Amino acid sequence: MPVDAAEIPRSLVSTHRARLKILDQRKLPETVSYLDCSELSEVISAIKNLAVRGAPAIGLAAAYGLVLGLDDCVDELARIRIELRDRGQALIAARPTAVNLSWAVEQMLDFAATKEAALGEPGWRDRLYQQARKLFEADRAACRAIGIAGAALIKDKPSILTHCNAGSLAVSEFGTALAPIYQAQADGLPVQVWVDETRPVLQGARLTAYELMAHGVPCRLITDNMAAHVMSKGWVDLVLVGADRVARNGDAANKIGTLGVAILAKHYGIPFYVACPWSTIDLETPMGAEITIEERAGDEVRQIQGIWTAPRDVPVFNPAFDVTPAGLIAGFITERGILSPNALSKHAPEARYG
């Protein structure tokens, strides 16, 4: 049975190459509003400031953003190539950890170098835009495939714990770690979810709980430091999380706190799975220790939703991600099926979108 998209706003809406609407996820769940972007700088700002977040959604925003404002670019091949290169570099620099960002930019630039793109010839801007749309549709297909592959795990393990948000809001549609949950529900399987709040930005509390409730999936919100207690009671059968970058050896970078959840799952004998599209798997990075971990502003920790909860001048360490070693991961749920960590490098990297 196909998954219903439910009443969840799309992370990105684009119907024309000159406009991109980005859902401002900083305002969820109380307010649904969109940033109307017509310039590359607006997309870069949205990525840096977490208006758009989730590795696949960031990549798709970059693909569309690369095309915004190109009407001012002259139809001269050399100038176009320089402009696209500079735009791509600016986008990639916006956030360093999520590989989907650089992947999507590279996909667009690779297409721009082909005869099919025909840069400088009539319609070249529209052809670039259509390539961005192809990446979007390919992500939708990948999310559906991830849902189907992962739903089989839930049949015997209906009580799931999640960390951060890897649902519809983090991708084109449906999600990665939440996609198997939505598919299982659509298939009539019993499912319930423990939702880690995910400090410091509360993506679990604000976004995952919001999504699951919109889908009618039974869920219960817990603070991050309750996960061990819930697991110790035998109330968790399976852990499902997303990823922002997966190294060739199977180490996975995801939202800060994921490593702690994986260690707890190992201690209590609970299978820990990572759900992500193949575009998140970075075969050029040998191991997790080589993944750049983004550090964010200290006020994200000193405050909660703009309210000060700590001394204003207390020093803060605020890494946005941590790395879970492959040895703690039971498998990766991808559009190619469920893969073991040591099988990632055996899969050819050429099966990319577009």
Protein backbone atom coordinates (compact mmCIF):
# COMPACT_ATOMS: atom_id res chain seq x y z
CA MET A 1 0.00 0.00 0.00
CA PRO A 2 1.47 3.41 -0.90
CA VAL A 3 2.32 5.85 1.86
CA ASP A 4 0.08 8.89 2.22
CA ALA A 5 2.03 12.16 2.41
CA ALA A 6 -0.39 13.30 5.15
CA GLU A 7 -0.92 16.93 6.06
CA ILE A 8 2.73 17.81 6.40
CA PRO A 9 4.09 20.90 4.61
CA ARG A 10 6.79 20.24 2.03
CA SER A 11 10.32 21.27 2.93
CA LEU A 12 10.80 22.73 -0.56
CA VAL A 13 8.35 23.95 -3.19
CA SER A 14 9.50 24.96 -6.67
CA THR A 15 7.37 25.52 -9.75
CA HIS A 16 9.67 27.91 -11.62
CA ARG A 17 13.42 28.32 -11.93
CA ALA A 18 13.28 31.91 -10.64
CA ARG A 19 11.61 31.04 -7.31
CA LEU A 20 12.15 28.56 -4.50
CA LYS A 21 9.95 28.38 -1.44
CA ILE A 22 11.75 27.01 1.63
CA LEU A 23 9.73 25.94 4.65
CA ASP A 24 11.11 27.82 7.66
CA GLN A 25 11.52 24.87 10.03
CA ARG A 26 12.75 27.13 12.83
CA LYS A 27 9.14 28.19 13.37
CA LEU A 28 7.62 24.71 13.53
CA PRO A 29 5.45 23.32 14.98
CA GLU A 30 3.58 26.50 15.91
CA THR A 31 3.85 28.35 12.59
CA VAL A 32 3.99 27.13 8.99
CA SER A 33 5.63 29.78 6.84
CA TYR A 34 7.86 29.80 3.78
CA LEU A 35 10.87 31.85 2.76
CA ASP A 36 10.38 33.05 -0.81
CA CYS A 37 13.86 32.85 -2.34
CA SER A 38 14.86 34.39 -5.65
CA GLU A 39 18.59 34.75 -5.05
CA LEU A 40 21.38 32.32 -4.24
CA SER A 41 22.32 34.27 -1.09
CA GLU A 42 18.87 33.65 0.36
CA VAL A 43 19.24 29.90 -0.06
CA ILE A 44 22.71 29.92 1.51
CA SER A 45 21.33 31.87 4.47
CA ALA A 46 18.45 29.39 4.86
CA ILE A 47 20.92 26.49 4.91
CA LYS A 48 23.29 28.11 7.41
CA ASN A 49 20.50 29.22 9.73
CA LEU A 50 18.64 25.87 9.74
CA ALA A 51 15.51 27.15 8.04
CA VAL A 52 16.06 24.12 5.81
CA ARG A 53 17.73 21.11 7.44
CA GLY A 54 18.10 17.40 6.89
CA ALA A 55 20.89 16.26 4.60
CA PRO A 56 18.78 15.40 1.51
CA ALA A 57 16.67 18.57 1.80
CA ILE A 58 19.82 20.70 2.09
CA GLY A 59 21.19 19.09 -1.06
CA LEU A 60 17.96 19.66 -2.99
CA ALA A 61 17.80 23.28 -1.82
CA ALA A 62 21.34 23.73 -3.14
CA ALA A 63 20.43 22.20 -6.51
CA TYR A 64 17.55 24.63 -6.93
CA GLY A 65 19.54 27.49 -5.45
CA LEU A 66 22.29 27.07 -8.01
CA VAL A 67 19.81 28.14 -10.69
CA LEU A 68 18.25 31.12 -8.90
CA GLY A 69 19.09 34.55 -10.29
CA LEU A 70 20.80 33.23 -13.42
CA ASP A 71 18.83 35.62 -15.62
CA ASP A 72 21.51 38.19 -14.81
CA CYS A 73 24.23 35.90 -16.15
CA VAL A 74 25.21 36.63 -19.75
CA ASP A 75 24.93 33.90 -22.39
CA GLU A 76 28.67 33.46 -22.70
CA LEU A 77 30.03 29.98 -22.02
CA ALA A 78 33.18 30.99 -20.13
CA ARG A 79 31.28 33.45 -17.90
CA ILE A 80 28.55 30.88 -17.20
CA ARG A 81 31.07 28.26 -16.13
CA ILE A 82 32.80 30.67 -13.75
CA GLU A 83 29.46 31.76 -12.30
CA LEU A 84 28.31 28.18 -11.68
CA ARG A 85 31.66 27.22 -10.16
CA ASP A 86 31.58 30.17 -7.75
CA ARG A 87 27.97 29.45 -6.82
CA GLY A 88 28.77 25.82 -6.17
CA GLN A 89 31.69 26.67 -3.90
CA ALA A 90 29.57 29.12 -1.91
CA LEU A 91 26.83 26.52 -1.42
CA ILE A 92 29.20 23.75 -0.36
CA ALA A 93 30.78 26.06 2.23
CA ALA A 94 27.39 26.70 3.87
CA ARG A 95 27.51 23.52 6.00
CA PRO A 96 30.45 21.10 6.03
CA THR A 97 29.15 17.80 7.45
CA ALA A 98 26.18 16.81 5.29
CA VAL A 99 27.64 15.23 2.15
CA ASN A 100 24.34 15.55 0.25
CA LEU A 101 25.06 19.27 -0.09
CA SER A 102 28.30 18.84 -2.02
CA TRP A 103 26.88 15.78 -3.79
CA ALA A 104 23.92 17.71 -5.19
CA VAL A 105 26.11 20.62 -6.28
CA GLU A 106 28.48 18.22 -8.01
CA GLN A 107 25.59 16.51 -9.75
CA MET A 108 24.42 19.86 -11.09
CA LEU A 109 27.90 20.93 -12.19
CA ASP A 110 28.55 17.56 -13.83
CA PHE A 111 25.33 17.96 -15.79
CA ALA A 112 26.30 21.53 -16.73
CA ALA A 113 29.46 20.15 -18.35
CA THR A 114 27.51 17.85 -20.71
CA LYS A 115 26.32 18.49 -24.24
CA GLU A 116 22.78 17.95 -23.00
CA ALA A 117 23.02 21.09 -20.86
CA ALA A 118 24.29 23.14 -23.82
CA LEU A 119 25.33 26.08 -21.67
CA GLY A 120 25.01 29.41 -23.42
CA GLU A 121 22.54 28.14 -25.96
CA PRO A 122 18.84 29.08 -25.81
CA GLY A 123 17.07 27.44 -22.87
CA TRP A 124 20.19 26.52 -20.90
CA ARG A 125 18.78 27.96 -17.65
CA ASP A 126 15.62 25.89 -18.00
CA ARG A 127 17.66 22.77 -18.66
CA LEU A 128 19.62 23.30 -15.44
CA TYR A 129 16.36 23.78 -13.57
CA GLN A 130 14.95 20.56 -14.97
CA GLN A 131 18.05 18.74 -13.75
CA ALA A 132 17.37 20.03 -10.24
CA ARG A 133 13.80 18.74 -10.54
CA LYS A 134 15.16 15.32 -11.57
CA LEU A 135 17.23 15.21 -8.38
CA PHE A 136 14.11 16.07 -6.38
CA GLU A 137 12.05 13.31 -7.99
CA ALA A 138 14.88 10.82 -7.56
CA ASP A 139 14.97 11.62 -3.85
CA ARG A 140 11.22 10.99 -3.62
CA ALA A 141 11.70 7.59 -5.25
CA ALA A 142 14.62 6.77 -2.94
CA CYS A 143 12.57 7.64 0.15
CA ARG A 144 9.74 5.37 -0.97
CA ALA A 145 12.20 2.53 -1.58
CA ILE A 146 13.76 3.06 1.86
CA GLY A 147 10.31 2.87 3.40
CA ILE A 148 9.52 -0.42 1.69
CA ALA A 149 12.89 -1.96 2.58
CA GLY A 150 12.76 -0.88 6.21
CA ALA A 151 9.13 -1.78 6.89
CA ALA A 152 10.10 -5.46 6.97
CA LEU A 153 12.18 -4.81 10.10
CA ILE A 154 9.20 -3.33 11.94
CA LYS A 155 6.98 -6.39 11.54
CA ASP A 156 8.61 -8.09 14.52
CA LYS A 157 9.97 -4.93 16.17
CA PRO A 158 7.07 -2.47 16.42
CA SER A 159 8.41 -0.22 19.20
CA ILE A 160 10.97 2.18 17.75
CA LEU A 161 13.17 4.92 19.16
CA THR A 162 14.30 7.81 16.95
CA HIS A 163 16.76 10.66 17.35
CA CYS A 164 16.56 14.00 15.54
CA ASN A 165 14.28 14.31 12.49
CA ALA A 166 14.71 12.16 9.41
CA GLY A 167 11.18 12.42 8.09
CA SER A 168 9.33 14.31 5.40
CA LEU A 169 10.71 17.63 6.58
CA ALA A 170 14.30 16.46 6.07
CA VAL A 171 13.89 15.30 2.47
CA SER A 172 11.71 15.77 -0.59
CA GLU A 173 8.88 13.68 0.87
CA PHE A 174 8.22 10.76 3.31
CA GLY A 175 11.64 10.70 4.91
CA THR A 176 14.46 8.25 5.53
CA ALA A 177 14.34 6.93 9.11
CA LEU A 178 10.63 7.70 9.36
CA ALA A 179 9.78 6.27 5.94
CA PRO A 180 9.75 2.62 7.18
CA ILE A 181 7.44 3.70 10.01
CA TYR A 182 5.02 5.37 7.61
CA GLN A 183 5.16 2.37 5.28
CA ALA A 184 4.55 -0.07 8.14
CA GLN A 185 1.54 1.94 9.25
CA ALA A 186 0.22 2.00 5.68
CA ASP A 187 0.65 -1.78 5.55
CA GLY A 188 -1.46 -2.17 8.68
CA LEU A 189 1.41 -3.16 10.97
CA PRO A 190 1.30 -2.03 14.61
CA VAL A 191 3.95 0.61 15.28
CA GLN A 192 4.75 3.06 18.05
CA VAL A 193 7.62 5.51 18.40
CA TRP A 194 9.68 6.92 21.25
CA VAL A 195 10.82 10.37 20.14
CA ASP A 196 14.06 11.78 21.57
CA GLU A 197 13.66 15.56 21.90
CA THR A 198 17.18 16.07 20.43
CA ARG A 199 18.87 18.94 22.20
CA PRO A 200 19.93 21.63 21.61
CA VAL A 201 17.63 22.59 18.70
CA LEU A 202 14.85 20.09 19.53
CA GLN A 203 14.38 18.60 16.07
CA GLY A 204 12.77 15.54 17.63
CA ALA A 205 10.36 17.49 19.80
CA ARG A 206 9.48 20.17 17.26
CA LEU A 207 9.60 18.20 14.02
CA THR A 208 9.48 14.42 14.45
CA ALA A 209 6.64 14.51 16.99
CA TYR A 210 4.80 16.97 14.72
CA GLU A 211 5.18 14.66 11.71
CA LEU A 212 4.21 11.47 13.49
CA MET A 213 1.10 13.04 14.97
CA ALA A 214 0.10 14.36 11.54
CA HIS A 215 0.39 10.79 10.24
CA GLY A 216 -1.55 9.39 13.20
CA VAL A 217 1.43 7.29 14.33
CA PRO A 218 1.32 6.59 18.10
CA CYS A 219 4.31 8.32 19.65
CA ARG A 220 5.64 9.52 22.97
CA LEU A 221 8.15 12.33 23.45
CA ILE A 222 11.06 11.86 25.86
CA THR A 223 14.05 13.98 26.80
CA ASP A 224 17.35 12.68 25.49
CA ASN A 225 18.50 11.54 28.93
CA MET A 226 15.44 9.27 29.27
CA ALA A 227 16.47 6.93 26.45
CA ALA A 228 18.50 4.64 28.70
CA HIS A 229 15.65 4.28 31.16
CA VAL A 230 13.13 3.47 28.42
CA MET A 231 15.48 0.89 26.91
CA SER A 232 16.16 -0.68 30.30
CA LYS A 233 12.44 -1.33 30.71
CA GLY A 234 12.38 -3.37 27.50
CA TRP A 235 10.13 -0.86 25.78
CA VAL A 236 12.31 -0.37 22.67
CA ASP A 237 12.62 -3.04 19.99
CA LEU A 238 14.50 -1.09 17.32
CA VAL A 239 16.40 2.18 16.85
CA LEU A 240 16.06 4.03 13.54
CA VAL A 241 18.07 7.16 12.75
CA GLY A 242 19.14 9.05 9.66
CA ALA A 243 22.61 10.22 8.66
CA ASP A 244 24.34 13.26 7.21
CA ARG A 245 27.41 11.42 5.94
CA VAL A 246 28.46 7.77 5.95
CA ALA A 247 32.14 6.89 5.48
CA ARG A 248 33.32 4.01 3.34
CA ASN A 249 33.94 1.80 6.39
CA GLY A 250 30.37 2.29 7.65
CA ASP A 251 30.99 4.95 10.30
CA ALA A 252 28.02 7.34 10.25
CA ALA A 253 27.77 11.01 11.18
CA ASN A 254 24.36 12.07 12.45
CA LYS A 255 22.86 14.64 14.83
CA ILE A 256 24.74 15.04 18.10
CA GLY A 257 23.54 12.47 20.62
CA THR A 258 23.22 9.65 18.10
CA LEU A 259 26.45 8.01 19.31
CA GLY A 260 25.09 7.83 22.85
CA VAL A 261 21.88 6.21 21.62
CA ALA A 262 23.90 3.64 19.63
CA ILE A 263 26.01 2.75 22.67
CA LEU A 264 22.87 2.29 24.77
CA ALA A 265 21.28 0.14 22.07
CA LYS A 266 24.37 -2.07 21.98
CA HIS A 267 24.29 -2.47 25.77
CA TYR A 268 20.63 -3.51 25.79
CA GLY A 269 20.84 -5.71 22.69
CA ILE A 270 18.60 -3.49 20.55
CA PRO A 271 19.25 -3.39 16.77
CA PHE A 272 20.45 0.04 15.62
CA TYR A 273 19.81 0.91 11.96
CA VAL A 274 20.67 3.94 9.86
CA ALA A 275 18.31 4.90 7.03
CA CYS A 276 19.69 7.09 4.25
CA PRO A 277 19.76 7.43 0.46
CA TRP A 278 22.85 6.30 -1.40
CA SER A 279 23.79 9.97 -1.91
CA THR A 280 24.62 10.14 1.82
CA ILE A 281 27.24 7.39 1.52
CA ASP A 282 30.62 9.00 0.89
CA LEU A 283 32.97 6.36 -0.47
CA GLU A 284 35.71 8.97 -0.81
CA THR A 285 35.93 9.36 2.98
CA PRO A 286 37.61 6.23 4.40
CA MET A 287 36.43 6.49 8.01
CA GLY A 288 34.38 8.59 10.36
CA ALA A 289 37.42 10.24 11.95
CA GLU A 290 37.93 12.12 8.68
CA ILE A 291 34.42 13.62 8.61
CA THR A 292 34.41 17.34 9.36
CA ILE A 293 32.09 18.01 12.31
CA GLU A 294 30.32 21.35 12.19
CA GLU A 295 30.44 23.43 15.37
CA ARG A 296 27.63 25.92 15.87
CA ALA A 297 27.04 29.03 17.93
CA GLY A 298 27.04 28.73 21.71
CA ASP A 299 23.70 30.48 22.09
CA GLU A 300 21.97 27.38 20.69
CA VAL A 301 22.93 25.72 23.99
CA ARG A 302 22.59 28.76 26.27
CA GLN A 303 19.03 29.30 25.07
CA ILE A 304 15.94 27.25 24.29
CA GLN A 305 13.75 28.89 21.66
CA GLY A 306 15.19 32.30 22.48
CA ILE A 307 14.86 31.98 26.27
CA TRP A 308 18.10 32.08 28.26
CA THR A 309 18.61 28.91 30.32
CA ALA A 310 22.29 29.36 31.18
CA PRO A 311 24.63 32.23 32.11
CA ARG A 312 25.04 34.37 29.02
CA ASP A 313 28.83 34.25 29.15
CA VAL A 314 29.36 30.58 30.01
CA PRO A 315 31.74 28.90 27.52
CA VAL A 316 29.99 26.37 25.28
CA PHE A 317 31.08 23.44 23.13
CA ASN A 318 28.40 22.85 20.50
CA PRO A 319 29.19 20.21 17.86
CA ALA A 320 26.18 19.66 15.61
CA PHE A 321 27.02 16.01 14.88
CA ASP A 322 28.80 12.97 16.25
CA VAL A 323 30.07 9.81 14.56
CA THR A 324 28.72 6.34 15.32
CA PRO A 325 31.27 3.58 14.60
CA ALA A 326 30.25 0.93 12.10
CA GLY A 327 30.54 -1.75 14.80
CA LEU A 328 27.46 -0.32 16.53
CA ILE A 329 25.34 -0.29 13.36
CA ALA A 330 23.31 -3.35 12.40
CA GLY A 331 22.69 -2.14 8.87
CA PHE A 332 21.93 0.70 6.47
CA ILE A 333 18.45 0.96 4.98
CA THR A 334 18.88 2.41 1.50
CA GLU A 335 17.02 2.48 -1.78
CA ARG A 336 19.21 -0.50 -2.74
CA GLY A 337 17.93 -2.52 0.20
CA ILE A 338 19.40 -3.17 3.64
CA LEU A 339 23.21 -3.26 3.53
CA SER A 340 25.68 -4.27 6.22
CA PRO A 341 28.35 -1.68 7.09
CA ASN A 342 31.14 -3.75 5.54
CA ALA A 343 29.20 -4.08 2.27
CA LEU A 344 29.04 -0.38 1.44
CA SER A 345 32.34 -0.22 -0.43
CA LYS A 346 31.30 -3.18 -2.59
CA HIS A 347 28.51 -1.16 -4.19
CA ALA A 348 29.46 0.83 -7.24
CA PRO A 349 29.34 4.60 -6.68
CA GLU A 350 28.00 5.36 -10.13
CA ALA A 351 24.34 4.72 -9.16
CA ARG A 352 23.64 8.34 -8.37
CA TYR A 353 20.61 10.43 -9.09
CA GLY A 354 20.00 12.16 -12.38
